[in-house]
Amino acid sequence: MTLLVMLAPVFFLFELWQLVMSERYVGIKQIARGADPRAMGPSEFVSFFWSMSLILYSIWMVAMLAFPNSRVFATCLLGVTALGYMVRSRCKHMMVLVTLTIEGAVRIGLLMSLMGYSWMQRSH
């Protein structure tokens, strides 16, 4: 496995953080209030950190395509991300949280599988 795989735990934590932030800004309380998440968005610092993390995450996924042992995981992560984006861009506001939660859960599962696979490869 490559050194790139060693970044998987970082992106795993990012996914968990992203799920918490999604609940905070697009969650059930905001849906019940009828609040627009764009009007009450995070601070500029958090937005910058979040955006840069998403860019780095995307670069990492694409870079993982170059290595045979991680290619399947990277392809699945990119596919889930693309599918999630397509669904979120077409669904109603009330379904965005559901979509984000499912998308995040699948990516977390893929990252856990990648970490487990990497660990198994190193122990052999």
Protein backbone atom coordinates (compact mmCIF):
# COMPACT_ATOMS: atom_id res chain seq x y z
CA MET A 1 0.00 0.00 0.00
CA THR A 2 1.07 3.54 -0.59
CA LEU A 3 1.59 6.38 1.82
CA LEU A 4 -1.61 7.89 0.45
CA VAL A 5 -3.62 5.18 2.21
CA MET A 6 -2.23 6.44 5.52
CA LEU A 7 -4.37 9.56 5.01
CA ALA A 8 -7.57 7.49 5.14
CA PRO A 9 -8.03 7.98 8.92
CA VAL A 10 -7.81 11.76 8.42
CA PHE A 11 -10.60 11.67 5.84
CA PHE A 12 -12.54 9.25 8.04
CA LEU A 13 -12.52 11.89 10.80
CA PHE A 14 -13.43 14.54 8.24
CA GLU A 15 -16.46 12.48 7.19
CA LEU A 16 -17.61 12.23 10.80
CA TRP A 17 -17.16 15.98 11.26
CA GLN A 18 -19.03 16.59 8.01
CA LEU A 19 -22.01 14.54 9.25
CA VAL A 20 -22.14 16.58 12.46
CA MET A 21 -21.93 19.86 10.54
CA SER A 22 -24.64 18.70 8.13
CA GLU A 23 -26.98 17.99 11.03
CA ARG A 24 -26.18 21.36 12.53
CA TYR A 25 -26.86 23.41 9.40
CA VAL A 26 -29.38 21.29 7.48
CA GLY A 27 -30.75 19.25 10.38
CA ILE A 28 -34.20 18.45 11.67
CA LYS A 29 -34.42 21.62 13.79
CA GLN A 30 -33.67 23.79 10.77
CA ILE A 31 -36.15 21.86 8.64
CA ALA A 32 -38.84 22.28 11.31
CA ARG A 33 -38.15 26.03 11.48
CA GLY A 34 -38.14 26.31 7.70
CA ALA A 35 -34.69 27.93 7.92
CA ASP A 36 -32.55 28.35 4.83
CA PRO A 37 -29.08 26.89 5.56
CA ARG A 38 -27.50 29.42 3.21
CA ALA A 39 -28.73 32.27 5.41
CA MET A 40 -27.22 30.85 8.60
CA GLY A 41 -24.09 29.27 7.20
CA PRO A 42 -20.86 28.66 9.09
CA SER A 43 -18.24 31.33 9.69
CA GLU A 44 -15.75 32.21 6.96
CA PHE A 45 -13.01 30.23 8.72
CA VAL A 46 -15.15 27.08 8.93
CA SER A 47 -16.30 27.53 5.33
CA PHE A 48 -12.70 27.90 4.16
CA PHE A 49 -11.57 24.84 6.15
CA TRP A 50 -14.51 22.80 4.88
CA SER A 51 -13.97 23.84 1.26
CA MET A 52 -10.24 23.18 1.36
CA SER A 53 -10.83 19.81 3.00
CA LEU A 54 -13.27 18.86 0.24
CA ILE A 55 -10.74 19.89 -2.41
CA LEU A 56 -7.94 17.91 -0.74
CA TYR A 57 -10.28 14.93 -0.28
CA SER A 58 -11.11 15.00 -4.00
CA ILE A 59 -7.44 15.24 -4.97
CA TRP A 60 -6.67 12.33 -2.63
CA MET A 61 -9.41 10.17 -4.17
CA VAL A 62 -8.17 10.88 -7.69
CA ALA A 63 -4.55 10.21 -6.66
CA MET A 64 -5.59 6.86 -5.18
CA LEU A 65 -6.73 5.79 -8.66
CA ALA A 66 -3.08 5.51 -9.67
CA PHE A 67 -2.45 2.54 -7.39
CA PRO A 68 -3.94 -0.91 -8.14
CA ASN A 69 -4.55 -1.86 -4.49
CA SER A 70 -6.62 1.24 -3.75
CA ARG A 71 -8.21 1.80 -7.17
CA VAL A 72 -11.47 0.02 -6.33
CA PHE A 73 -11.91 2.00 -3.11
CA ALA A 74 -11.13 5.30 -4.85
CA THR A 75 -13.52 4.53 -7.70
CA CYS A 76 -16.30 3.73 -5.23
CA LEU A 77 -15.61 6.86 -3.17
CA LEU A 78 -15.69 9.03 -6.29
CA GLY A 79 -18.83 7.30 -7.52
CA VAL A 80 -20.67 7.75 -4.23
CA THR A 81 -19.62 11.40 -4.13
CA ALA A 82 -20.81 12.04 -7.69
CA LEU A 83 -24.08 10.19 -7.16
CA GLY A 84 -24.69 11.99 -3.87
CA TYR A 85 -24.09 15.35 -5.49
CA MET A 86 -26.50 14.55 -8.32
CA VAL A 87 -29.21 13.44 -5.89
CA ARG A 88 -28.69 16.44 -3.57
CA SER A 89 -28.85 18.90 -6.44
CA ARG A 90 -32.24 17.53 -7.51
CA CYS A 91 -33.97 16.74 -4.23
CA LYS A 92 -36.07 18.96 -2.01
CA HIS A 93 -34.55 20.72 0.98
CA MET A 94 -36.11 18.23 3.40
CA MET A 95 -34.32 15.30 1.75
CA VAL A 96 -30.85 16.87 1.68
CA LEU A 97 -30.05 15.70 5.23
CA VAL A 98 -31.16 12.16 4.42
CA THR A 99 -29.02 12.15 1.28
CA LEU A 100 -26.01 13.59 3.11
CA THR A 101 -26.34 11.03 5.89
CA ILE A 102 -26.55 8.06 3.53
CA GLU A 103 -23.74 9.39 1.36
CA GLY A 104 -21.52 10.00 4.40
CA ALA A 105 -22.30 6.59 5.89
CA VAL A 106 -21.35 4.82 2.65
CA ARG A 107 -18.10 6.80 2.35
CA ILE A 108 -17.28 6.07 6.02
CA GLY A 109 -17.84 2.36 5.33
CA LEU A 110 -15.58 2.53 2.29
CA LEU A 111 -12.86 4.31 4.26
CA MET A 112 -13.11 1.72 7.04
CA SER A 113 -12.83 -1.05 4.44
CA LEU A 114 -9.79 0.64 2.89
CA MET A 115 -8.12 0.96 6.30
CA GLY A 116 -8.91 -2.69 7.12
CA TYR A 117 -7.64 -3.88 3.76
CA SER A 118 -4.47 -1.86 4.17
CA TRP A 119 -3.91 -3.28 7.65
CA MET A 120 -4.42 -6.83 6.38
CA GLN A 121 -1.94 -6.25 3.54
CA ARG A 122 0.71 -5.01 5.97
CA SER A 123 0.30 -7.95 8.33
CA HIS A 124 0.99 -10.46 5.52
